[in-house]
Amino acid sequence: MRILCKAVVLACCIFLFAGCSPEVGSDAWCKKIKEKPKGDWTANEASDFTRHCILKLEKE
């Protein structure tokens, strides 16, 4: 029973932290990515940064 309780608490924490990241393309997200070292960017982050922060294309 204690293991099940710990698993539920852990799952809730994971979902809580996953919901805290800013939406891709938002001003907060652009600022967060600008502060991140460019060597640590993923290909998707670089593409999204170009699309939403530099070119300011509309979200799909």
N, C-alpha and C. Protein backbone atom coordinates (compact mmCIF):
# COMPACT_ATOMS: atom_id res chain seq x y z
N MET A 1 0.82 -1.20 0.00
CA MET A 1 0.00 0.00 0.00
C MET A 1 0.87 1.27 0.00
N ARG A 2 1.96 1.23 0.75
CA ARG A 2 2.84 2.39 0.80
C ARG A 2 3.52 2.62 -0.55
N ILE A 3 3.85 1.54 -1.23
CA ILE A 3 4.49 1.67 -2.54
C ILE A 3 3.53 2.31 -3.53
N LEU A 4 2.28 1.91 -3.50
CA LEU A 4 1.27 2.49 -4.38
C LEU A 4 1.10 3.98 -4.09
N CYS A 5 1.07 4.34 -2.84
CA CYS A 5 0.94 5.74 -2.45
C CYS A 5 2.14 6.56 -2.95
N LYS A 6 3.33 6.02 -2.80
CA LYS A 6 4.53 6.71 -3.28
C LYS A 6 4.51 6.86 -4.79
N ALA A 7 4.04 5.84 -5.49
CA ALA A 7 3.97 5.89 -6.95
C ALA A 7 2.98 6.97 -7.40
N VAL A 8 1.86 7.08 -6.73
CA VAL A 8 0.86 8.09 -7.07
C VAL A 8 1.42 9.49 -6.82
N VAL A 9 2.09 9.69 -5.71
CA VAL A 9 2.68 11.00 -5.40
C VAL A 9 3.76 11.34 -6.43
N LEU A 10 4.58 10.39 -6.79
CA LEU A 10 5.61 10.62 -7.80
C LEU A 10 5.00 10.99 -9.14
N ALA A 11 3.97 10.29 -9.56
CA ALA A 11 3.30 10.59 -10.83
C ALA A 11 2.70 12.00 -10.80
N CYS A 12 2.10 12.38 -9.69
CA CYS A 12 1.53 13.73 -9.57
C CYS A 12 2.61 14.80 -9.68
N CYS A 13 3.76 14.55 -9.06
CA CYS A 13 4.87 15.51 -9.13
C CYS A 13 5.38 15.65 -10.56
N ILE A 14 5.48 14.55 -11.27
CA ILE A 14 5.94 14.59 -12.66
C ILE A 14 4.99 15.41 -13.51
N PHE A 15 3.70 15.18 -13.37
CA PHE A 15 2.71 15.94 -14.14
C PHE A 15 2.71 17.41 -13.75
N LEU A 16 2.94 17.70 -12.49
CA LEU A 16 2.98 19.08 -12.02
C LEU A 16 4.15 19.83 -12.66
N PHE A 17 5.33 19.22 -12.65
CA PHE A 17 6.50 19.88 -13.23
C PHE A 17 6.44 19.95 -14.74
N ALA A 18 5.82 19.00 -15.39
CA ALA A 18 5.70 19.02 -16.85
C ALA A 18 4.81 20.17 -17.30
N GLY A 19 3.86 20.56 -16.49
CA GLY A 19 2.95 21.64 -16.84
C GLY A 19 3.53 23.02 -16.60
N CYS A 20 4.72 23.11 -16.06
CA CYS A 20 5.31 24.40 -15.70
C CYS A 20 6.13 25.04 -16.81
N SER A 21 6.43 24.32 -17.86
CA SER A 21 7.25 24.90 -18.92
C SER A 21 6.39 25.78 -19.81
N PRO A 22 6.94 26.91 -20.27
CA PRO A 22 6.15 27.83 -21.10
C PRO A 22 5.81 27.22 -22.46
N GLU A 23 4.74 27.73 -23.04
CA GLU A 23 4.28 27.25 -24.34
C GLU A 23 5.30 27.64 -25.42
N VAL A 24 5.55 26.71 -26.33
CA VAL A 24 6.49 26.97 -27.43
C VAL A 24 5.98 28.16 -28.25
N GLY A 25 6.87 29.12 -28.47
CA GLY A 25 6.53 30.29 -29.26
C GLY A 25 6.12 31.49 -28.42
N SER A 26 5.87 31.29 -27.13
CA SER A 26 5.49 32.41 -26.27
C SER A 26 6.73 33.27 -25.97
N ASP A 27 6.49 34.49 -25.51
CA ASP A 27 7.61 35.37 -25.18
C ASP A 27 8.48 34.76 -24.08
N ALA A 28 7.85 34.11 -23.12
CA ALA A 28 8.61 33.47 -22.03
C ALA A 28 9.47 32.34 -22.57
N TRP A 29 8.94 31.57 -23.51
CA TRP A 29 9.70 30.47 -24.10
C TRP A 29 10.88 31.01 -24.89
N CYS A 30 10.66 32.06 -25.69
CA CYS A 30 11.74 32.66 -26.48
C CYS A 30 12.86 33.15 -25.55
N LYS A 31 12.48 33.79 -24.45
CA LYS A 31 13.48 34.29 -23.50
C LYS A 31 14.26 33.14 -22.88
N LYS A 32 13.55 32.06 -22.52
CA LYS A 32 14.19 30.89 -21.92
C LYS A 32 15.20 30.26 -22.89
N ILE A 33 14.83 30.14 -24.15
CA ILE A 33 15.71 29.53 -25.15
C ILE A 33 16.91 30.44 -25.43
N LYS A 34 16.70 31.76 -25.46
CA LYS A 34 17.82 32.69 -25.68
C LYS A 34 18.88 32.55 -24.60
N GLU A 35 18.44 32.26 -23.36
CA GLU A 35 19.38 32.13 -22.24
C GLU A 35 20.09 30.78 -22.23
N LYS A 36 19.54 29.80 -22.93
CA LYS A 36 20.12 28.45 -22.97
C LYS A 36 21.30 28.44 -23.94
N PRO A 37 22.42 27.81 -23.59
CA PRO A 37 23.56 27.74 -24.51
C PRO A 37 23.15 27.08 -25.83
N LYS A 38 23.56 27.68 -26.93
CA LYS A 38 23.15 27.19 -28.25
C LYS A 38 23.62 25.76 -28.53
N GLY A 39 24.69 25.35 -27.90
CA GLY A 39 25.17 23.98 -28.06
C GLY A 39 24.24 22.95 -27.43
N ASP A 40 23.37 23.40 -26.53
CA ASP A 40 22.43 22.51 -25.85
C ASP A 40 21.06 22.47 -26.51
N TRP A 41 20.85 23.26 -27.56
CA TRP A 41 19.57 23.28 -28.25
C TRP A 41 19.37 21.99 -29.03
N THR A 42 18.13 21.51 -29.07
CA THR A 42 17.80 20.38 -29.94
C THR A 42 17.45 20.94 -31.31
N ALA A 43 17.36 20.06 -32.29
CA ALA A 43 16.98 20.50 -33.64
C ALA A 43 15.58 21.10 -33.63
N ASN A 44 14.68 20.51 -32.86
CA ASN A 44 13.31 21.03 -32.78
C ASN A 44 13.28 22.41 -32.13
N GLU A 45 14.07 22.60 -31.08
CA GLU A 45 14.12 23.90 -30.42
C GLU A 45 14.67 24.96 -31.37
N ALA A 46 15.70 24.64 -32.12
CA ALA A 46 16.27 25.59 -33.08
C ALA A 46 15.25 25.95 -34.15
N SER A 47 14.55 24.96 -34.65
CA SER A 47 13.52 25.20 -35.66
C SER A 47 12.39 26.06 -35.11
N ASP A 48 11.91 25.71 -33.93
CA ASP A 48 10.82 26.47 -33.31
C ASP A 48 11.26 27.89 -32.96
N PHE A 49 12.50 28.05 -32.50
CA PHE A 49 13.02 29.37 -32.17
C PHE A 49 13.05 30.25 -33.42
N THR A 50 13.54 29.69 -34.51
CA THR A 50 13.60 30.44 -35.77
C THR A 50 12.20 30.82 -36.22
N ARG A 51 11.29 29.87 -36.18
CA ARG A 51 9.93 30.09 -36.66
C ARG A 51 9.17 31.11 -35.80
N HIS A 52 9.25 30.98 -34.48
CA HIS A 52 8.40 31.77 -33.59
C HIS A 52 9.06 33.01 -33.02
N CYS A 53 10.38 33.01 -32.88
CA CYS A 53 11.04 34.13 -32.21
C CYS A 53 11.76 35.06 -33.19
N ILE A 54 12.27 34.51 -34.27
CA ILE A 54 13.00 35.34 -35.23
C ILE A 54 12.09 35.79 -36.36
N LEU A 55 11.43 34.82 -37.01
CA LEU A 55 10.56 35.14 -38.14
C LEU A 55 9.16 35.55 -37.71
N LYS A 56 8.79 35.25 -36.48
CA LYS A 56 7.48 35.58 -35.91
C LYS A 56 6.33 35.05 -36.76
N LEU A 57 6.47 33.81 -37.23
CA LEU A 57 5.40 33.18 -37.99
C LEU A 57 4.30 32.75 -37.04
N GLU A 58 3.07 32.71 -37.56
CA GLU A 58 1.93 32.32 -36.73
C GLU A 58 2.05 30.87 -36.32
N LYS A 59 1.45 30.55 -35.16
CA LYS A 59 1.44 29.18 -34.68
C LYS A 59 0.48 28.37 -35.53
N GLU A 60 0.86 27.12 -35.75
CA GLU A 60 0.03 26.26 -36.59
C GLU A 60 -1.11 25.69 -35.80
